């Protein structure tokens, strides 16, 4: 029961590719960058991952700037007595960001107001032949300052440390290209989260997809 609840956020987003993009999406579906940025990004799955390995951190914002998130890292080769299916490191967390000073054109400075691990006192346990070990909110270490980049951000404006996380390797010939997705950058650690610029409908809802 605990693990089903623990990974509910993963189950909703598992069909999205790691570090999802919206390349080829209709331009009318791109969310506008407005004076109410949290409403613009509410419900979008911000993903922090390398594209290699079985780890990922997901964050989803609410219109008021609060967020929930989950980190998981599977190591199926780390098995032992009682857990033949391997080891999984996890962390569920919540937090809040507030708008800081917009000191760069075209992007928004956010400040981390709170960050709380939901299960900080849980001990490691075995369930369904897997060893579960509590961890931390990987990607948000020392995240006092975060930068929010809208899809319209020119690639030339992005910090070098953000580029690999957005799978942007070679932009020498892309002076006029734009990010094409939402970006969230942990300046201190040079970690980058990305989110598709269109919302995916929640399969639990009865309405249609939201764009």
C-alpha atoms as a PDB file:
ATOM      1  CA  UNK A   1       0.000   0.000   0.000  1.00  0.00           C
ATOM      2  CA  UNK A   2       2.765   2.411   0.932  1.00  0.00           C
ATOM      3  CA  UNK A   3       4.669   1.799  -2.268  1.00  0.00           C
ATOM      4  CA  UNK A   4       1.566   2.156  -4.414  1.00  0.00           C
ATOM      5  CA  UNK A   5       1.029   5.594  -2.892  1.00  0.00           C
ATOM      6  CA  UNK A   6       4.717   6.355  -3.037  1.00  0.00           C
ATOM      7  CA  UNK A   7       4.895   5.907  -6.793  1.00  0.00           C
ATOM      8  CA  UNK A   8       1.508   7.298  -7.760  1.00  0.00           C
ATOM      9  CA  UNK A   9       3.174  10.344  -9.252  1.00  0.00           C
ATOM     10  CA  UNK A  10       5.471   8.107 -11.304  1.00  0.00           C
ATOM     11  CA  UNK A  11       2.570   6.039 -12.597  1.00  0.00           C
ATOM     12  CA  UNK A  12       0.877   9.172 -13.930  1.00  0.00           C
ATOM     13  CA  UNK A  13       3.989  10.350 -15.760  1.00  0.00           C
ATOM     14  CA  UNK A  14       5.752   7.151 -16.744  1.00  0.00           C
ATOM     15  CA  UNK A  15       4.603   7.462 -20.337  1.00  0.00           C
ATOM     16  CA  UNK A  16       6.567  10.702 -20.714  1.00  0.00           C
ATOM     17  CA  UNK A  17      10.117  10.333 -22.021  1.00  0.00           C
ATOM     18  CA  UNK A  18      12.831  11.276 -19.579  1.00  0.00           C
ATOM     19  CA  UNK A  19      13.501  15.004 -19.839  1.00  0.00           C
ATOM     20  CA  UNK A  20      10.451  15.324 -22.110  1.00  0.00           C
ATOM     21  CA  UNK A  21      10.326  17.833 -24.935  1.00  0.00           C
ATOM     22  CA  UNK A  22       7.604  19.295 -27.065  1.00  0.00           C
ATOM     23  CA  UNK A  23       9.408  19.343 -30.383  1.00  0.00           C
ATOM     24  CA  UNK A  24       6.910  19.440 -33.194  1.00  0.00           C
ATOM     25  CA  UNK A  25       4.045  20.558 -30.961  1.00  0.00           C
ATOM     26  CA  UNK A  26       1.569  23.016 -32.426  1.00  0.00           C
ATOM     27  CA  UNK A  27       2.650  26.574 -31.618  1.00  0.00           C
ATOM     28  CA  UNK A  28      -0.845  27.412 -30.416  1.00  0.00           C
ATOM     29  CA  UNK A  29      -0.386  24.872 -27.626  1.00  0.00           C
ATOM     30  CA  UNK A  30       2.675  26.605 -26.172  1.00  0.00           C
ATOM     31  CA  UNK A  31       1.871  28.075 -22.790  1.00  0.00           C
ATOM     32  CA  UNK A  32       2.352  31.851 -22.596  1.00  0.00           C
ATOM     33  CA  UNK A  33       4.879  33.372 -20.205  1.00  0.00           C
ATOM     34  CA  UNK A  34       2.742  35.731 -18.165  1.00  0.00           C
ATOM     35  CA  UNK A  35       2.887  37.698 -14.934  1.00  0.00           C
ATOM     36  CA  UNK A  36       1.371  34.635 -13.258  1.00  0.00           C
ATOM     37  CA  UNK A  37       4.085  32.045 -13.953  1.00  0.00           C
ATOM     38  CA  UNK A  38       2.900  29.460 -11.446  1.00  0.00           C
ATOM     39  CA  UNK A  39      -0.480  29.174 -13.131  1.00  0.00           C
ATOM     40  CA  UNK A  40       1.324  28.772 -16.448  1.00  0.00           C
ATOM     41  CA  UNK A  41       3.405  25.825 -15.214  1.00  0.00           C
ATOM     42  CA  UNK A  42       0.873  24.287 -12.809  1.00  0.00           C
ATOM     43  CA  UNK A  43       0.590  20.546 -13.364  1.00  0.00           C
ATOM     44  CA  UNK A  44       3.542  20.286 -15.758  1.00  0.00           C
ATOM     45  CA  UNK A  45       5.981  17.464 -14.897  1.00  0.00           C
ATOM     46  CA  UNK A  46       9.436  18.988 -14.384  1.00  0.00           C
ATOM     47  CA  UNK A  47      11.965  16.182 -14.808  1.00  0.00           C
ATOM     48  CA  UNK A  48      15.577  16.034 -13.671  1.00  0.00           C
ATOM     49  CA  UNK A  49      17.468  13.086 -15.139  1.00  0.00           C
ATOM     50  CA  UNK A  50      20.544  12.329 -17.177  1.00  0.00           C
ATOM     51  CA  UNK A  51      18.957  10.021 -19.730  1.00  0.00           C
ATOM     52  CA  UNK A  52      21.214   7.234 -18.462  1.00  0.00           C
ATOM     53  CA  UNK A  53      20.521   5.010 -15.500  1.00  0.00           C
ATOM     54  CA  UNK A  54      17.283   4.378 -13.666  1.00  0.00           C
ATOM     55  CA  UNK A  55      17.011   7.562 -11.628  1.00  0.00           C
ATOM     56  CA  UNK A  56      14.793  10.621 -11.939  1.00  0.00           C
ATOM     57  CA  UNK A  57      13.391  13.476  -9.876  1.00  0.00           C
ATOM     58  CA  UNK A  58       9.933  14.789 -10.782  1.00  0.00           C
ATOM     59  CA  UNK A  59       8.385  18.035  -9.564  1.00  0.00           C
ATOM     60  CA  UNK A  60       4.867  19.357 -10.134  1.00  0.00           C
ATOM     61  CA  UNK A  61       3.852  22.915  -9.198  1.00  0.00           C
ATOM     62  CA  UNK A  62       0.516  24.291  -8.033  1.00  0.00           C
ATOM     63  CA  UNK A  63      -0.778  27.768  -9.006  1.00  0.00           C
ATOM     64  CA  UNK A  64       0.273  29.175  -5.616  1.00  0.00           C
ATOM     65  CA  UNK A  65       3.942  28.224  -6.006  1.00  0.00           C
ATOM     66  CA  UNK A  66       3.821  25.124  -3.829  1.00  0.00           C
ATOM     67  CA  UNK A  67       5.092  21.871  -5.272  1.00  0.00           C
ATOM     68  CA  UNK A  68       5.268  18.138  -4.684  1.00  0.00           C
ATOM     69  CA  UNK A  69       8.011  15.863  -5.893  1.00  0.00           C
ATOM     70  CA  UNK A  70       9.514  12.416  -5.943  1.00  0.00           C
ATOM     71  CA  UNK A  71      13.025  11.075  -6.413  1.00  0.00           C
ATOM     72  CA  UNK A  72      13.698   7.423  -7.233  1.00  0.00           C
ATOM     73  CA  UNK A  73      16.817   5.506  -8.180  1.00  0.00           C
ATOM     74  CA  UNK A  74      16.671   1.791  -8.905  1.00  0.00           C
ATOM     75  CA  UNK A  75      19.676  -0.511  -8.595  1.00  0.00           C
ATOM     76  CA  UNK A  76      18.460  -3.973  -9.451  1.00  0.00           C
ATOM     77  CA  UNK A  77      22.021  -5.282  -9.280  1.00  0.00           C
ATOM     78  CA  UNK A  78      22.280  -4.418  -5.605  1.00  0.00           C
ATOM     79  CA  UNK A  79      20.444  -7.489  -4.314  1.00  0.00           C
ATOM     80  CA  UNK A  80      20.812  -9.538  -1.194  1.00  0.00           C
ATOM     81  CA  UNK A  81      19.112 -11.895   1.206  1.00  0.00           C
ATOM     82  CA  UNK A  82      15.448 -10.956   1.407  1.00  0.00           C
ATOM     83  CA  UNK A  83      15.596  -8.550  -1.510  1.00  0.00           C
ATOM     84  CA  UNK A  84      16.547 -10.537  -4.630  1.00  0.00           C
ATOM     85  CA  UNK A  85      14.962  -7.918  -6.928  1.00  0.00           C
ATOM     86  CA  UNK A  86      17.390  -5.192  -5.946  1.00  0.00           C
ATOM     87  CA  UNK A  87      17.415  -1.838  -4.157  1.00  0.00           C
ATOM     88  CA  UNK A  88      15.413   1.333  -4.684  1.00  0.00           C
ATOM     89  CA  UNK A  89      16.314   4.720  -3.195  1.00  0.00           C
ATOM     90  CA  UNK A  90      13.376   7.104  -2.847  1.00  0.00           C
ATOM     91  CA  UNK A  91      12.257  10.455  -1.503  1.00  0.00           C
ATOM     92  CA  UNK A  92       8.859  12.130  -1.480  1.00  0.00           C
ATOM     93  CA  UNK A  93       8.927  15.843  -0.740  1.00  0.00           C
ATOM     94  CA  UNK A  94       6.939  19.063  -0.759  1.00  0.00           C
ATOM     95  CA  UNK A  95       7.960  22.691  -0.850  1.00  0.00           C
ATOM     96  CA  UNK A  96       7.232  26.238  -1.896  1.00  0.00           C
ATOM     97  CA  UNK A  97       8.956  28.747  -4.142  1.00  0.00           C
ATOM     98  CA  UNK A  98       8.400  32.493  -4.296  1.00  0.00           C
ATOM     99  CA  UNK A  99       9.217  35.006  -7.006  1.00  0.00           C
ATOM    100  CA  UNK A 100      12.563  36.730  -6.540  1.00  0.00           C
ATOM    101  CA  UNK A 101      14.032  39.607  -8.478  1.00  0.00           C
ATOM    102  CA  UNK A 102      13.795  39.257 -12.245  1.00  0.00           C
ATOM    103  CA  UNK A 103      17.376  40.300 -12.896  1.00  0.00           C
ATOM    104  CA  UNK A 104      17.681  38.655 -16.328  1.00  0.00           C
ATOM    105  CA  UNK A 105      15.486  39.431 -19.330  1.00  0.00           C
ATOM    106  CA  UNK A 106      13.242  36.608 -20.420  1.00  0.00           C
ATOM    107  CA  UNK A 107      13.577  34.463 -17.311  1.00  0.00           C
ATOM    108  CA  UNK A 108      12.323  34.575 -13.752  1.00  0.00           C
ATOM    109  CA  UNK A 109      14.253  34.201 -10.548  1.00  0.00           C
ATOM    110  CA  UNK A 110      12.615  31.977  -7.942  1.00  0.00           C
ATOM    111  CA  UNK A 111      13.663  31.486  -4.336  1.00  0.00           C
ATOM    112  CA  UNK A 112      13.113  28.284  -2.403  1.00  0.00           C
ATOM    113  CA  UNK A 113      10.988  29.188   0.612  1.00  0.00           C
ATOM    114  CA  UNK A 114      10.550  25.682   2.018  1.00  0.00           C
ATOM    115  CA  UNK A 115      11.506  22.085   1.287  1.00  0.00           C
ATOM    116  CA  UNK A 116      10.368  19.159   3.438  1.00  0.00           C
ATOM    117  CA  UNK A 117      10.911  15.427   2.957  1.00  0.00           C
ATOM    118  CA  UNK A 118       7.616  13.700   3.697  1.00  0.00           C
ATOM    119  CA  UNK A 119       9.126  10.541   5.183  1.00  0.00           C
ATOM    120  CA  UNK A 120      12.343  11.727   6.848  1.00  0.00           C
ATOM    121  CA  UNK A 121      12.203   9.227   9.710  1.00  0.00           C
ATOM    122  CA  UNK A 122      11.422   6.074   7.761  1.00  0.00           C
ATOM    123  CA  UNK A 123      13.893   3.258   8.106  1.00  0.00           C
ATOM    124  CA  UNK A 124      14.918   1.083   5.186  1.00  0.00           C
ATOM    125  CA  UNK A 125      12.464  -1.745   4.604  1.00  0.00           C
ATOM    126  CA  UNK A 126      11.854  -4.670   2.270  1.00  0.00           C
ATOM    127  CA  UNK A 127       8.671  -5.035   0.269  1.00  0.00           C
ATOM    128  CA  UNK A 128       7.940  -7.248  -2.737  1.00  0.00           C
ATOM    129  CA  UNK A 129      11.527  -8.532  -2.728  1.00  0.00           C
ATOM    130  CA  UNK A 130      12.945  -4.982  -3.063  1.00  0.00           C
ATOM    131  CA  UNK A 131      14.959  -3.067  -0.450  1.00  0.00           C
ATOM    132  CA  UNK A 132      13.653   0.506  -0.122  1.00  0.00           C
ATOM    133  CA  UNK A 133      16.070   3.081   1.280  1.00  0.00           C
ATOM    134  CA  UNK A 134      15.018   6.686   2.078  1.00  0.00           C
ATOM    135  CA  UNK A 135      17.107   9.304   0.301  1.00  0.00           C
ATOM    136  CA  UNK A 136      16.961  13.049  -0.360  1.00  0.00           C
ATOM    137  CA  UNK A 137      15.414  15.357  -2.982  1.00  0.00           C
ATOM    138  CA  UNK A 138      18.164  14.971  -5.563  1.00  0.00           C
ATOM    139  CA  UNK A 139      18.406  18.021  -7.790  1.00  0.00           C
ATOM    140  CA  UNK A 140      17.315  20.533  -5.157  1.00  0.00           C
ATOM    141  CA  UNK A 141      20.428  20.546  -2.997  1.00  0.00           C
ATOM    142  CA  UNK A 142      21.455  24.121  -2.113  1.00  0.00           C
ATOM    143  CA  UNK A 143      18.634  25.369  -4.335  1.00  0.00           C
ATOM    144  CA  UNK A 144      18.253  28.767  -2.688  1.00  0.00           C
ATOM    145  CA  UNK A 145      17.977  30.328  -6.150  1.00  0.00           C
ATOM    146  CA  UNK A 146      16.183  28.749  -9.103  1.00  0.00           C
ATOM    147  CA  UNK A 147      15.729  30.197 -12.581  1.00  0.00           C
ATOM    148  CA  UNK A 148      12.565  29.562 -14.571  1.00  0.00           C
ATOM    149  CA  UNK A 149      13.000  29.641 -18.352  1.00  0.00           C
ATOM    150  CA  UNK A 150       9.893  29.772 -20.587  1.00  0.00           C
ATOM    151  CA  UNK A 151       9.749  27.879 -23.892  1.00  0.00           C
ATOM    152  CA  UNK A 152      10.473  31.084 -25.824  1.00  0.00           C
ATOM    153  CA  UNK A 153      13.919  31.498 -24.209  1.00  0.00           C
ATOM    154  CA  UNK A 154      16.664  31.744 -26.876  1.00  0.00           C
ATOM    155  CA  UNK A 155      19.254  29.011 -26.480  1.00  0.00           C
ATOM    156  CA  UNK A 156      21.940  31.678 -26.472  1.00  0.00           C
ATOM    157  CA  UNK A 157      20.577  32.951 -23.136  1.00  0.00           C
ATOM    158  CA  UNK A 158      20.745  29.630 -21.308  1.00  0.00           C
ATOM    159  CA  UNK A 159      23.580  28.933 -18.852  1.00  0.00           C
ATOM    160  CA  UNK A 160      26.088  26.337 -19.955  1.00  0.00           C
ATOM    161  CA  UNK A 161      25.404  24.178 -16.904  1.00  0.00           C
ATOM    162  CA  UNK A 162      21.758  23.780 -17.904  1.00  0.00           C
ATOM    163  CA  UNK A 163      22.385  22.551 -21.440  1.00  0.00           C
ATOM    164  CA  UNK A 164      23.226  18.856 -20.838  1.00  0.00           C
ATOM    165  CA  UNK A 165      20.125  18.345 -18.672  1.00  0.00           C
ATOM    166  CA  UNK A 166      17.962  19.651 -21.523  1.00  0.00           C
ATOM    167  CA  UNK A 167      19.843  17.400 -23.967  1.00  0.00           C
ATOM    168  CA  UNK A 168      21.198  20.436 -25.798  1.00  0.00           C
ATOM    169  CA  UNK A 169      24.641  19.393 -26.879  1.00  0.00           C
ATOM    170  CA  UNK A 170      25.533  21.412 -29.985  1.00  0.00           C
ATOM    171  CA  UNK A 171      23.992  24.826 -30.590  1.00  0.00           C
ATOM    172  CA  UNK A 172      26.737  26.432 -32.631  1.00  0.00           C
ATOM    173  CA  UNK A 173      24.407  26.727 -35.614  1.00  0.00           C
ATOM    174  CA  UNK A 174      21.273  27.506 -33.624  1.00  0.00           C
ATOM    175  CA  UNK A 175      21.545  31.229 -32.917  1.00  0.00           C
ATOM    176  CA  UNK A 176      17.842  31.792 -33.525  1.00  0.00           C
ATOM    177  CA  UNK A 177      16.642  28.591 -31.845  1.00  0.00           C
ATOM    178  CA  UNK A 178      14.597  28.639 -28.658  1.00  0.00           C
ATOM    179  CA  UNK A 179      14.337  26.233 -25.743  1.00  0.00           C
ATOM    180  CA  UNK A 180      10.911  24.942 -26.812  1.00  0.00           C
ATOM    181  CA  UNK A 181      10.087  23.632 -23.317  1.00  0.00           C
ATOM    182  CA  UNK A 182      10.051  24.928 -19.768  1.00  0.00           C
ATOM    183  CA  UNK A 183      13.339  24.935 -17.882  1.00  0.00           C
ATOM    184  CA  UNK A 184      14.104  25.132 -14.166  1.00  0.00           C
ATOM    185  CA  UNK A 185      17.733  25.632 -13.173  1.00  0.00           C
ATOM    186  CA  UNK A 186      19.374  25.074  -9.783  1.00  0.00           C
ATOM    187  CA  UNK A 187      22.087  27.674 -10.095  1.00  0.00           C
ATOM    188  CA  UNK A 188      24.260  26.534  -7.169  1.00  0.00           C
ATOM    189  CA  UNK A 189      24.574  22.907  -8.300  1.00  0.00           C
ATOM    190  CA  UNK A 190      24.094  23.474 -12.049  1.00  0.00           C
ATOM    191  CA  UNK A 191      21.185  21.026 -12.169  1.00  0.00           C
ATOM    192  CA  UNK A 192      18.415  21.431 -14.724  1.00  0.00           C
ATOM    193  CA  UNK A 193      14.781  20.305 -14.800  1.00  0.00           C
ATOM    194  CA  UNK A 194      12.713  20.422 -17.982  1.00  0.00           C
ATOM    195  CA  UNK A 195       8.984  20.135 -18.637  1.00  0.00           C
ATOM    196  CA  UNK A 196       6.966  19.813 -21.843  1.00  0.00           C
ATOM    197  CA  UNK A 197       5.285  23.029 -22.920  1.00  0.00           C
ATOM    198  CA  UNK A 198       1.875  21.358 -23.142  1.00  0.00           C
ATOM    199  CA  UNK A 199      -0.074  19.794 -20.330  1.00  0.00           C
ATOM    200  CA  UNK A 200      -0.935  16.113 -20.375  1.00  0.00           C
ATOM    201  CA  UNK A 201      -4.391  15.240 -19.072  1.00  0.00           C
ATOM    202  CA  UNK A 202      -4.572  13.376 -15.789  1.00  0.00           C
ATOM    203  CA  UNK A 203      -6.008   9.923 -16.600  1.00  0.00           C
ATOM    204  CA  UNK A 204      -7.976  10.087 -13.360  1.00  0.00           C
ATOM    205  CA  UNK A 205      -9.882  13.172 -14.504  1.00  0.00           C
ATOM    206  CA  UNK A 206     -13.127  13.031 -16.461  1.00  0.00           C
ATOM    207  CA  UNK A 207     -12.387  15.999 -18.680  1.00  0.00           C
ATOM    208  CA  UNK A 208     -10.383  16.184 -21.852  1.00  0.00           C
ATOM    209  CA  UNK A 209      -6.748  17.052 -22.213  1.00  0.00           C
ATOM    210  CA  UNK A 210      -5.618  20.485 -21.113  1.00  0.00           C
ATOM    211  CA  UNK A 211      -3.329  22.654 -23.180  1.00  0.00           C
END
